[in-house]
Protein backbone atom coordinates (compact mmCIF):
# COMPACT_ATOMS: atom_id res chain seq x y z
CA MET A 1 66.76 166.87 -68.25
CA GLY A 2 67.88 164.43 -70.49
CA THR A 3 65.63 161.96 -72.72
CA ASN A 4 62.89 160.20 -71.07
CA ASN A 5 62.53 157.38 -73.33
CA SER A 6 63.01 155.46 -75.76
CA HIS A 7 63.28 156.25 -79.43
CA ALA A 8 60.16 155.53 -81.02
CA ASP A 9 58.65 155.97 -84.56
CA VAL A 10 56.07 158.68 -83.73
CA VAL A 11 55.37 160.99 -80.74
CA ILE A 12 52.21 162.02 -81.14
CA ILE A 13 51.16 165.58 -79.05
CA GLY A 14 47.47 164.98 -77.67
CA ALA A 15 45.37 162.62 -76.58
CA GLY A 16 42.28 163.92 -77.66
CA ALA A 17 40.01 161.77 -79.57
CA VAL A 18 41.99 163.00 -82.98
CA GLY A 19 45.39 162.09 -81.24
CA ALA A 20 43.88 158.53 -79.96
CA ALA A 21 42.36 157.52 -83.20
CA THR A 22 46.13 158.63 -84.47
CA ALA A 23 48.04 156.62 -81.68
CA CYS A 24 45.38 153.58 -82.48
CA GLU A 25 45.64 153.54 -86.39
CA LEU A 26 49.53 153.57 -86.27
CA ALA A 27 50.17 150.91 -83.49
CA ARG A 28 47.69 148.21 -84.84
CA ARG A 29 49.95 148.72 -87.84
CA GLY A 30 52.84 148.03 -86.01
CA ALA A 31 54.56 151.23 -85.12
CA SER A 32 56.45 151.75 -81.66
CA VAL A 33 53.81 155.19 -80.22
CA THR A 34 54.66 157.67 -77.92
CA VAL A 35 51.74 159.47 -77.11
CA LEU A 36 51.84 163.13 -74.94
CA GLU A 37 48.87 164.44 -73.43
CA ALA A 38 48.93 167.72 -70.76
CA GLY A 39 45.82 166.51 -69.21
CA ASP A 40 46.02 163.43 -66.46
CA ALA A 41 43.00 161.34 -67.78
CA VAL A 42 40.44 160.99 -70.37
CA GLY A 43 38.54 163.91 -71.79
CA ASN A 44 40.38 166.79 -70.59
CA GLY A 45 40.29 168.83 -73.80
CA CYS A 46 37.22 169.06 -75.74
CA SER A 47 37.40 166.00 -76.30
CA TYR A 48 35.08 165.50 -72.10
CA ALA A 49 31.88 166.37 -73.93
CA ASN A 50 30.38 166.06 -77.54
CA ALA A 51 26.99 165.26 -79.13
CA GLY A 52 28.43 161.80 -79.67
CA LEU A 53 26.46 162.26 -82.83
CA LEU A 54 28.72 160.42 -86.04
CA ALA A 55 26.46 161.92 -88.58
CA PRO A 56 28.16 162.47 -91.89
CA SER A 57 25.38 164.96 -93.62
CA HIS A 58 26.09 167.41 -90.59
CA VAL A 59 29.84 167.65 -91.80
CA GLU A 60 30.93 170.76 -93.23
CA PRO A 61 33.09 173.63 -93.16
CA LEU A 62 32.24 176.13 -90.27
CA THR A 63 33.14 178.65 -93.19
CA THR A 64 29.99 179.00 -95.32
CA PRO A 65 27.94 182.31 -96.58
CA ALA A 66 25.51 181.43 -94.77
CA ASN A 67 27.37 181.43 -91.40
CA VAL A 68 29.10 184.06 -92.49
CA LEU A 69 26.04 186.20 -92.34
CA ASP A 70 24.43 184.35 -88.88
CA GLY A 71 27.91 185.62 -87.28
CA LEU A 72 27.32 189.27 -88.31
CA ARG A 73 22.99 188.37 -87.90
CA TYR A 74 23.78 187.24 -84.33
CA MET A 75 26.88 189.25 -83.43
CA PHE A 76 24.75 190.91 -80.79
CA ALA A 77 22.59 188.47 -79.55
CA PRO A 78 23.57 186.89 -76.71
CA ASP A 79 21.08 183.78 -77.47
CA SER A 80 22.05 182.72 -80.72
CA PRO A 81 22.94 179.85 -81.97
CA PHE A 82 25.81 181.00 -83.70
CA HIS A 83 27.70 184.00 -81.89
CA VAL A 84 31.01 186.20 -82.85
CA HIS A 85 31.77 188.72 -80.04
CA PRO A 86 32.67 192.23 -81.52
CA ASN A 87 36.08 191.74 -80.15
CA PRO A 88 38.74 193.44 -82.54
CA LYS A 89 41.32 190.40 -82.19
CA LEU A 90 39.49 187.62 -83.99
CA LEU A 91 39.34 190.49 -86.81
CA PRO A 92 42.19 188.94 -88.43
CA TRP A 93 41.40 185.65 -88.22
CA PHE A 94 37.34 186.66 -89.35
CA LEU A 95 38.15 188.30 -92.01
CA GLN A 96 40.76 185.23 -93.22
CA PHE A 97 37.15 183.20 -92.95
CA ALA A 98 35.41 185.42 -94.50
CA ALA A 99 36.84 185.32 -97.33
CA ALA A 100 37.18 181.76 -97.18
CA SER A 101 33.40 181.33 -97.60
CA THR A 102 32.61 181.24 -101.17
CA PRO A 103 30.01 179.44 -102.49
CA ARG A 104 31.93 177.54 -104.57
CA ARG A 105 34.46 176.44 -102.00
CA ALA A 106 31.46 175.83 -99.47
CA ARG A 107 30.06 173.58 -101.61
CA ALA A 108 33.25 171.45 -102.68
CA MET A 109 34.41 171.18 -99.11
CA THR A 110 31.33 170.06 -97.97
CA ALA A 111 31.59 167.30 -100.32
CA ARG A 112 35.26 166.25 -99.36
CA LEU A 113 34.56 166.51 -95.53
CA GLN A 114 31.23 164.16 -96.36
CA GLU A 115 33.21 161.84 -98.15
CA LEU A 116 35.77 161.47 -95.70
CA ALA A 117 32.97 161.22 -92.93
CA GLU A 118 31.45 158.51 -94.81
CA HIS A 119 34.04 156.49 -94.35
CA SER A 120 34.91 157.07 -90.65
CA LEU A 121 31.33 156.42 -89.69
CA GLN A 122 32.49 152.48 -91.18
CA LEU A 123 35.95 152.88 -89.11
CA HIS A 124 33.34 153.71 -86.00
CA ALA A 125 31.54 150.59 -86.61
CA ALA A 126 34.43 148.61 -87.75
CA TYR A 127 35.82 149.40 -84.18
CA ALA A 128 33.05 148.63 -82.29
CA ASP A 129 32.95 145.25 -83.95
CA ASP A 130 36.17 144.50 -83.13
CA GLY A 131 35.17 144.99 -79.30
CA MET A 132 36.31 148.72 -78.59
CA ASP A 133 33.81 149.95 -75.93
CA THR A 134 33.66 153.62 -77.60
CA GLY A 135 29.76 153.34 -76.70
CA TYR A 136 29.24 153.00 -80.46
CA ARG A 137 25.24 152.44 -81.12
CA HIS A 138 23.58 152.29 -84.80
CA SER A 139 20.59 154.11 -84.03
CA GLY A 140 19.96 156.33 -86.77
CA SER A 141 19.75 159.78 -86.57
CA MET A 142 16.98 162.37 -87.40
CA ASP A 143 16.78 166.29 -88.33
CA VAL A 144 13.54 167.55 -86.62
CA PHE A 145 11.63 170.43 -88.76
CA LEU A 146 9.64 172.48 -85.83
CA THR A 147 8.50 175.18 -88.38
CA GLU A 148 6.36 174.63 -91.34
CA GLN A 149 8.43 177.03 -92.83
CA HIS A 150 11.88 175.18 -92.78
CA TYR A 151 10.20 171.86 -93.71
CA GLU A 152 8.55 173.63 -96.64
CA GLN A 153 11.47 175.23 -97.56
CA THR A 154 13.36 171.15 -97.31
CA ARG A 155 10.41 169.88 -98.58
CA GLU A 156 10.72 171.59 -101.93
CA THR A 157 14.02 170.45 -102.57
CA PHE A 158 14.37 167.45 -101.44
CA ASP A 159 14.74 164.26 -103.50
CA ASP A 160 15.24 160.71 -101.13
CA GLY A 161 15.40 158.53 -104.01
CA ALA A 162 12.20 156.89 -103.89
CA GLY A 163 9.39 158.94 -104.88
CA ALA A 164 7.22 161.37 -103.30
CA PRO A 165 8.40 162.91 -99.69
CA GLY A 166 6.66 160.48 -97.02
CA GLY A 167 4.97 158.77 -99.99
CA GLY A 168 4.72 155.67 -101.62
CA THR A 169 5.43 152.71 -99.49
CA HIS A 170 7.65 154.24 -97.17
CA GLN A 171 6.55 152.52 -93.34
CA PRO A 172 8.16 155.05 -90.65
CA GLY A 173 10.97 153.16 -88.74
CA ALA A 174 11.80 150.81 -91.81
CA ASP A 175 15.57 150.39 -91.49
CA SER A 176 16.16 150.55 -95.26
CA GLY A 177 19.28 152.31 -95.20
CA GLN A 178 18.00 155.57 -97.46
CA THR A 179 17.54 158.79 -95.81
CA ARG A 180 13.84 160.10 -96.19
CA LEU A 181 11.68 163.42 -95.72
CA LEU A 182 9.20 162.41 -93.11
CA THR A 183 5.25 163.84 -93.07
CA ALA A 184 4.52 165.08 -89.35
CA ASP A 185 2.76 162.03 -88.34
CA GLU A 186 5.71 159.79 -89.28
CA THR A 187 7.76 161.75 -87.60
CA ARG A 188 6.25 160.95 -84.20
CA THR A 189 5.23 157.56 -85.15
CA LEU A 190 9.31 157.15 -85.62
CA GLU A 191 9.62 159.31 -82.43
CA PRO A 192 7.03 159.38 -79.80
CA ALA A 193 8.43 161.09 -77.77
CA LEU A 194 8.76 164.67 -79.75
CA GLY A 195 6.00 167.05 -78.99
CA THR A 196 4.42 169.35 -82.48
CA VAL A 197 6.65 168.97 -85.31
CA ALA A 198 6.34 169.77 -88.72
CA GLY A 199 8.37 166.92 -90.30
CA ALA A 200 11.74 165.60 -90.26
CA ILE A 201 15.18 164.00 -92.41
CA HIS A 202 15.30 160.66 -91.62
CA ARG A 203 19.07 159.08 -91.07
CA PRO A 204 18.81 155.38 -90.87
CA ALA A 205 22.49 155.12 -91.45
CA GLU A 206 24.03 157.31 -88.54
CA ALA A 207 24.97 156.93 -85.05
CA ILE A 208 26.38 158.13 -82.06
CA CYS A 209 29.14 157.70 -79.43
CA GLY A 210 30.40 158.19 -76.28
CA SER A 211 33.11 160.75 -76.45
CA GLN A 212 35.47 159.96 -73.46
CA GLU A 213 34.26 155.86 -74.22
CA PHE A 214 35.47 156.58 -77.36
CA VAL A 215 38.99 158.09 -76.46
CA ALA A 216 39.20 156.01 -73.64
CA ALA A 217 38.58 152.84 -76.03
CA THR A 218 41.11 153.40 -79.13
CA LEU A 219 43.94 154.98 -76.28
CA LYS A 220 43.75 151.33 -74.42
CA THR A 221 43.73 149.35 -78.01
CA ALA A 222 46.83 151.60 -78.60
CA GLU A 223 48.51 150.61 -75.86
CA GLN A 224 47.48 146.67 -75.86
CA HIS A 225 49.92 147.19 -79.51
CA GLY A 226 52.94 148.76 -77.86
CA ALA A 227 52.24 152.35 -77.39
CA THR A 228 52.62 154.26 -74.21
CA ILE A 229 50.47 156.73 -73.28
CA HIS A 230 52.57 159.71 -70.37
CA TRP A 231 49.61 161.34 -68.73
CA GLY A 232 50.36 164.89 -67.67
CA THR A 233 52.59 165.49 -69.62
CA HIS A 234 53.09 169.31 -70.90
CA VAL A 235 54.94 170.52 -74.17
CA ARG A 236 56.85 172.77 -74.32
CA GLN A 237 58.21 173.35 -77.30
CA LEU A 238 59.41 171.17 -80.57
CA ASP A 239 62.41 171.17 -81.05
CA ALA A 240 64.02 171.89 -84.34
CA GLY A 241 67.40 171.62 -86.43
CA ALA A 242 67.81 173.06 -89.73
CA THR A 243 64.58 171.53 -90.99
CA ARG A 244 62.88 168.78 -89.46
CA ILE A 245 62.13 168.14 -85.91
CA THR A 246 64.86 166.57 -83.80
CA GLY A 247 62.26 166.58 -80.16
CA VAL A 248 59.92 167.50 -77.61
CA SER A 249 60.92 169.39 -75.04
CA THR A 250 58.45 168.65 -71.83
CA ASN A 251 58.35 169.08 -68.11
CA ARG A 252 58.69 165.36 -67.62
CA GLY A 253 61.60 165.31 -70.00
CA ARG A 254 62.38 165.58 -73.73
CA PHE A 255 60.76 162.47 -75.86
CA THR A 256 62.62 161.64 -79.78
CA GLY A 257 61.12 160.08 -82.31
CA ASP A 258 61.40 160.08 -86.52
CA GLU A 259 57.60 161.29 -86.94
CA TYR A 260 56.30 164.10 -85.03
CA VAL A 261 52.29 164.06 -84.77
CA VAL A 262 50.73 167.41 -83.27
CA ALA A 263 47.16 166.89 -82.73
CA ALA A 264 47.43 169.20 -79.21
CA GLY A 265 44.00 170.96 -80.39
CA LEU A 266 43.98 174.62 -79.76
CA GLU A 267 48.03 174.08 -78.49
CA SER A 268 48.75 173.38 -82.25
CA ASP A 269 48.76 176.80 -83.04
CA ARG A 270 51.84 177.52 -80.50
CA LEU A 271 53.58 174.31 -81.11
CA CYS A 272 53.05 175.00 -84.64
CA GLY A 273 53.92 178.34 -84.97
CA ASN A 274 57.27 178.09 -83.12
CA VAL A 275 58.63 175.94 -85.37
CA GLY A 276 57.92 178.01 -88.24
CA VAL A 277 54.42 176.30 -89.73
CA ARG A 278 51.45 178.99 -89.15
CA MET A 279 48.66 177.90 -87.37
CA PRO A 280 45.60 180.21 -87.24
CA LEU A 281 43.21 178.67 -84.80
CA GLN A 282 40.36 179.95 -82.86
CA GLY A 283 38.54 177.85 -79.91
CA ALA A 284 34.64 177.78 -80.75
CA LYS A 285 32.93 177.29 -77.58
CA GLY A 286 30.34 174.88 -77.66
CA TYR A 287 28.36 173.78 -74.81
CA VAL A 288 26.74 170.79 -73.33
CA VAL A 289 23.63 170.14 -70.91
CA ASP A 290 23.81 166.50 -69.45
CA LEU A 291 20.20 165.26 -67.84
CA GLU A 292 18.34 162.95 -65.70
CA VAL A 293 15.29 161.72 -67.09
CA THR A 294 12.07 160.24 -67.15
CA GLY A 295 8.75 160.27 -68.98
CA GLU A 296 9.31 159.95 -72.68
CA VAL A 297 13.05 159.89 -73.59
CA PRO A 298 14.37 159.48 -77.30
CA GLU A 299 15.35 156.49 -78.81
CA ILE A 300 16.68 158.36 -81.55
CA PRO A 301 19.14 161.07 -81.74
CA MET A 302 17.77 164.37 -83.45
CA LEU A 303 18.93 167.58 -84.48
CA PHE A 304 16.27 170.41 -84.47
CA LYS A 305 17.21 172.24 -86.57
CA GLU A 306 15.65 175.55 -86.58
CA LEU A 307 17.32 176.03 -82.90
CA LYS A 308 20.56 174.18 -83.71
CA VAL A 309 20.52 171.90 -80.48
CA VAL A 310 21.11 168.23 -80.18
CA ALA A 311 19.27 166.10 -78.41
CA THR A 312 21.58 162.45 -78.09
CA PRO A 313 20.04 159.84 -75.90
CA TYR A 314 22.49 157.77 -73.43
CA PRO A 315 21.75 154.72 -71.55
CA ASP A 316 22.08 157.20 -68.69
CA ARG A 317 21.64 160.59 -69.69
CA LEU A 318 20.07 162.96 -72.01
CA ARG A 319 22.67 165.21 -73.64
CA LEU A 320 21.53 168.68 -74.98
CA SER A 321 24.08 170.55 -76.98
CA GLY A 322 24.52 173.06 -79.40
CA THR A 323 25.63 176.87 -79.93
CA LEU A 324 29.21 178.05 -81.14
CA GLU A 325 30.85 181.49 -79.48
CA LEU A 326 33.83 182.41 -81.37
CA GLY A 327 35.64 185.24 -79.67
CA GLY A 328 34.30 185.11 -76.50
CA ASP A 329 35.90 184.99 -72.65
CA PRO A 330 36.76 181.04 -72.69
CA ARG A 331 36.23 180.36 -68.98
CA GLU A 332 32.83 182.28 -69.15
CA LEU A 333 29.80 179.73 -68.95
CA ASN A 334 26.73 181.90 -70.81
CA GLN A 335 24.19 181.26 -68.77
CA ARG A 336 21.66 182.69 -71.43
CA ARG A 337 23.02 180.37 -73.98
CA ILE A 338 22.77 177.42 -71.47
CA GLN A 339 19.15 178.71 -70.76
CA ALA A 340 18.59 178.85 -74.51
CA ILE A 341 19.61 174.74 -74.95
CA ARG A 342 17.07 174.24 -72.44
CA ASP A 343 14.75 175.60 -74.02
CA ALA A 344 15.32 173.85 -77.42
CA GLY A 345 14.74 170.67 -75.02
CA ASP A 346 11.40 171.58 -73.41
CA ARG A 347 9.77 172.44 -76.49
CA GLY A 348 11.06 169.44 -78.85
CA LEU A 349 10.65 166.97 -76.34
CA PRO A 350 7.81 168.52 -74.24
CA ARG A 351 6.96 164.91 -71.92
CA LEU A 352 10.30 164.88 -70.41
CA ASN A 353 10.13 164.70 -66.87
CA ILE A 354 13.69 166.03 -65.90
CA SER A 355 15.24 164.42 -62.70
CA ARG A 356 18.28 166.62 -62.16
CA THR A 357 20.80 168.01 -64.12
CA ILE A 358 24.12 166.15 -64.16
CA GLN A 359 26.62 168.67 -65.43
CA THR A 360 26.72 171.65 -67.73
CA TRP A 361 29.79 171.99 -69.17
CA ALA A 362 31.48 174.36 -72.28
CA GLY A 363 34.28 173.60 -74.36
CA GLN A 364 36.64 175.40 -76.74
CA ARG A 365 36.23 173.64 -80.35
CA PRO A 366 39.37 174.46 -82.22
CA CYS A 367 38.80 176.07 -85.38
CA THR A 368 40.68 177.19 -88.73
CA SER A 369 39.96 180.84 -89.78
CA ASP A 370 39.12 178.56 -93.20
CA GLY A 371 36.55 176.41 -92.11
CA VAL A 372 38.10 173.13 -92.41
CA PRO A 373 40.89 170.59 -90.68
CA VAL A 374 44.36 170.65 -91.29
CA ILE A 375 45.32 167.22 -91.69
CA GLY A 376 49.11 167.08 -93.23
CA ARG A 377 52.26 166.83 -93.94
CA SER A 378 54.86 169.83 -93.56
CA THR A 379 57.17 170.43 -96.36
CA LYS A 380 59.08 172.95 -94.13
CA ARG A 381 59.97 170.28 -91.51
CA PRO A 382 59.12 167.48 -93.64
CA ASN A 383 58.59 164.97 -90.53
CA LEU A 384 56.19 167.00 -88.85
CA THR A 385 52.62 165.98 -89.71
CA VAL A 386 49.58 167.98 -88.04
CA THR A 387 46.37 167.28 -87.10
CA ALA A 388 44.32 169.73 -85.67
CA GLY A 389 41.37 171.97 -86.49
CA HIS A 390 38.64 169.88 -86.68
CA GLY A 391 35.98 172.36 -85.04
CA MET A 392 32.58 170.55 -84.06
CA TRP A 393 34.13 167.01 -85.70
CA GLY A 394 36.75 165.94 -84.34
CA LEU A 395 34.90 163.04 -82.65
CA THR A 396 32.85 161.91 -86.03
CA LEU A 397 36.34 162.19 -88.02
CA GLY A 398 39.17 160.87 -85.77
CA PRO A 399 39.24 157.36 -87.30
CA VAL A 400 39.37 158.51 -90.91
CA THR A 401 42.02 161.32 -89.42
CA GLY A 402 44.50 158.61 -87.67
CA GLU A 403 44.27 155.87 -91.07
CA LEU A 404 44.80 159.04 -92.99
CA VAL A 405 47.82 159.35 -90.79
CA ALA A 406 49.13 155.71 -90.39
CA ARG A 407 48.70 155.41 -94.50
CA GLY A 408 50.91 158.35 -94.82
CA LEU A 409 53.56 157.42 -92.68
CA LEU A 410 53.86 153.79 -92.66
CA GLU A 411 52.89 153.10 -96.26
CA ALA A 412 54.19 156.17 -98.23
CA ALA A 413 50.47 156.49 -99.47
CA PRO A 414 49.68 160.07 -100.36
CA THR A 415 47.01 160.66 -98.10
CA LEU A 416 48.48 163.57 -96.26
CA HIS A 417 49.92 165.92 -99.17
CA GLU A 418 45.34 166.76 -100.12
CA ALA A 419 46.22 171.12 -100.74
CA ALA A 420 42.86 171.67 -99.13
CA PHE A 421 44.08 170.11 -95.10
CA SER A 422 47.81 170.99 -95.95
CA PRO A 423 49.51 172.65 -93.13
CA ASP A 424 51.26 174.89 -95.28
CA ARG A 425 48.34 176.71 -96.44
CA PHE A 426 48.03 179.27 -93.50
CA SER A 427 51.55 180.43 -94.15
CA ARG A 428 51.39 180.93 -98.16
CA SER A 429 48.20 182.68 -97.63
């Protein structure tokens, strides 16, 4: 086949949350953009369903000492919140994962990722202010403790910057912008839908949005600024010359550009590997249960800390999401995991009336073997930029990733050369 399109400044492979935000940021800065997406519509990959919680406080590398211990502890517990299948094919990846999980690195990468997530939250708010219908709502969020043990462990180390936790002049529900540790009574006053709890951390600055709405809105904005979206376009390979990428071969012809951005989720592994850029990605399966509910429905999205399940209230549903499953069959819906998520909702929100289950879904979040995303330009292929491996944080970090790419490619900003996020780091290891 011949070349299918006019030459673009930037060709983006993948129209999930990260690819869509990148297209938006580039197009709004005046670049000509072509987006290639294998799916036939918005949200065919892991951007289809997401907790939707824009909570920088939750963002951390997957590689932490606690997660390594949990992976080993829960290996044979099929209803656990973090499950690693005893799959021999996963062993090399998991060994790299364990090696990257040092306390010092976990602290440093958590600080950096949360810095990016804070800026990304501001961009999410700015998108809404600009009229993008992403489903954004400045809702605040809560980390809810169901047991006294976990609450006391947190209370002993928590410094809310405003006196004793739960004391002083604090008024439950007052949106002061400050993170506060609440007592059990304050927690239930702020969110009456909750059942018996030990307390909570309230973060008024955080928010929610809709995953599909976000992708649709950012792609629409990109198109309004001249971007072209090609749906149903399966990328067979990146075509490479001696050093640079020369084009993209697809089922609908060949596309060319000056710069190429791979934002293709798990497919990024194959596409980058074919041009000599190693990209060890594994799918971490997460589950979503959408419920039509009545009764005492929460207003504030919340994470049940001990159970690692998020409850997100949308106008037409309550979304329960959770678990992280590595190395299993990507097509399997584990009913014990689904029931564990539903049980968490029943325990935390006992006065809900469930009218029906709207959908049950599982998706593969692409995770790198060192637990942090790839956001950067390759020195092996100087016109190749990779944005992949965001794991659970693709929606949260989508806007800031797009901005980093746009500033790096169009403004020569040094945003695509951070060693910790480099696409070449796995080839060196």
